[in-house]
Protein backbone atom coordinates (compact mmCIF):
# COMPACT_ATOMS: atom_id res chain seq x y z
CA UNK A 1 0.00 0.00 0.00
CA UNK A 2 1.31 3.34 1.13
CA UNK A 3 4.84 2.18 1.97
CA UNK A 4 5.35 0.67 -1.48
CA UNK A 5 3.96 3.78 -3.16
CA UNK A 6 6.23 6.05 -1.12
CA UNK A 7 9.30 3.93 -1.85
CA UNK A 8 8.38 3.75 -5.52
CA UNK A 9 8.03 7.53 -5.80
CA UNK A 10 11.41 8.07 -4.15
CA UNK A 11 13.02 5.30 -6.19
CA UNK A 12 11.70 6.56 -9.53
CA UNK A 13 13.21 9.99 -8.98
CA UNK A 14 16.60 8.91 -7.68
CA UNK A 15 17.50 5.52 -9.10
CA UNK A 16 16.72 5.37 -12.81
CA UNK A 17 19.45 5.87 -15.37
CA UNK A 18 19.88 4.99 -19.01
CA UNK A 19 22.98 3.22 -20.25
CA UNK A 20 24.05 0.89 -23.05
CA UNK A 21 22.01 -1.97 -21.58
CA UNK A 22 18.82 0.06 -21.39
CA UNK A 23 17.15 1.71 -18.43
CA UNK A 24 18.61 0.32 -15.21
CA UNK A 25 16.61 0.47 -11.99
CA UNK A 26 18.92 0.20 -8.99
CA UNK A 27 17.33 -0.80 -5.67
CA UNK A 28 20.57 -0.91 -3.64
CA UNK A 29 19.37 1.97 -1.40
CA UNK A 30 15.89 0.52 -0.77
CA UNK A 31 15.27 -1.19 2.55
CA UNK A 32 17.79 -2.56 5.01
CA UNK A 33 19.24 -5.19 2.62
CA UNK A 34 19.37 -3.14 -0.57
CA UNK A 35 17.21 -5.70 -2.36
CA UNK A 36 13.52 -6.13 -3.07
CA UNK A 37 11.00 -8.85 -3.70
CA UNK A 38 9.72 -8.05 -7.17
CA UNK A 39 6.15 -8.97 -7.99
CA UNK A 40 5.31 -7.31 -11.32
CA UNK A 41 5.76 -4.29 -13.54
CA UNK A 42 4.10 -2.75 -16.57
CA UNK A 43 5.67 -1.20 -19.65
CA UNK A 44 4.40 1.47 -22.02
CA UNK A 45 4.64 1.74 -25.79
CA UNK A 46 5.95 -1.77 -26.61
CA UNK A 47 5.15 -1.93 -30.31
CA UNK A 48 7.48 -4.70 -31.54
CA UNK A 49 9.21 -7.91 -30.41
CA UNK A 50 12.65 -7.74 -28.83
CA UNK A 51 12.08 -5.98 -25.50
CA UNK A 52 13.46 -8.00 -22.57
CA UNK A 53 13.78 -7.75 -18.78
CA UNK A 54 16.83 -8.88 -16.80
CA UNK A 55 16.90 -9.29 -13.02
CA UNK A 56 20.12 -9.08 -11.01
CA UNK A 57 21.02 -9.59 -7.36
CA UNK A 58 23.73 -7.81 -5.41
CA UNK A 59 27.09 -7.47 -7.19
CA UNK A 60 25.29 -7.91 -10.56
CA UNK A 61 24.68 -11.62 -9.95
CA UNK A 62 22.17 -12.75 -12.62
CA UNK A 63 18.84 -14.00 -11.27
CA UNK A 64 16.78 -14.23 -14.47
CA UNK A 65 17.88 -12.97 -17.90
CA UNK A 66 16.04 -12.33 -21.14
CA UNK A 67 12.43 -12.33 -19.95
CA UNK A 68 10.53 -11.52 -23.18
CA UNK A 69 7.85 -8.84 -23.27
CA UNK A 70 4.84 -9.32 -25.55
CA UNK A 71 4.17 -6.22 -27.67
CA UNK A 72 0.86 -4.48 -26.99
CA UNK A 73 1.15 -1.68 -29.56
CA UNK A 74 2.06 1.95 -29.90
CA UNK A 75 0.97 4.21 -27.01
CA UNK A 76 -0.45 1.31 -24.97
CA UNK A 77 0.36 -0.12 -21.55
CA UNK A 78 1.08 -3.80 -21.01
CA UNK A 79 -0.94 -5.83 -18.55
CA UNK A 80 1.08 -6.49 -15.37
CA UNK A 81 4.10 -8.65 -16.25
CA UNK A 82 4.35 -11.31 -13.53
CA UNK A 83 7.94 -11.44 -12.30
CA UNK A 84 7.60 -13.31 -9.08
CA UNK A 85 7.53 -12.96 -6.31
CA UNK A 86 11.30 -12.92 -6.87
CA UNK A 87 13.33 -11.98 -3.79
CA UNK A 88 16.88 -10.66 -3.70
CA UNK A 89 16.50 -8.31 -6.69
CA UNK A 90 18.97 -5.40 -6.54
CA UNK A 91 18.71 -4.28 -10.16
CA UNK A 92 16.24 -4.48 -13.05
CA UNK A 93 17.45 -3.84 -16.61
CA UNK A 94 14.87 -3.35 -19.36
CA UNK A 95 16.22 -3.48 -22.91
CA UNK A 96 13.76 -1.87 -25.31
CA UNK A 97 13.78 -2.90 -28.97
CA UNK A 98 12.43 0.51 -29.99
CA UNK A 99 10.67 3.02 -27.76
CA UNK A 100 9.19 2.27 -24.36
CA UNK A 101 8.87 3.27 -20.74
CA UNK A 102 8.67 1.55 -17.36
CA UNK A 103 5.52 1.94 -15.26
CA UNK A 104 3.81 0.52 -12.17
CA UNK A 105 6.52 -1.50 -10.41
CA UNK A 106 5.05 -3.65 -7.64
CA UNK A 107 7.61 -4.70 -5.02
CA UNK A 108 8.34 -4.86 -1.31
CA UNK A 109 11.73 -4.23 0.32
CA UNK A 110 13.49 -7.36 1.54
CA UNK A 111 13.85 -7.24 5.33
């Protein structure tokens, strides 16, 4: 509820950057362990195949790589993409084939 929304708002402002891999969401400052339990997320504007999601633990240890995202079309939002619950996630990397944006991340901090 409120705690997740507050953490998400703070996270979205401070921990999103774009690099060669695609947007990287870093959760290392969230909660006492610097990891989260990821439940789902939604993406915007996925209009072709080739967009993938990678999940990493601390020290960039791969958890799950190459999760495919089904295109939903230009200017649309995907249904929630079920990613768990997956605990120990420190970083999410989304590689967009073309345009896209990240929206509605559902998670709880690992305690």
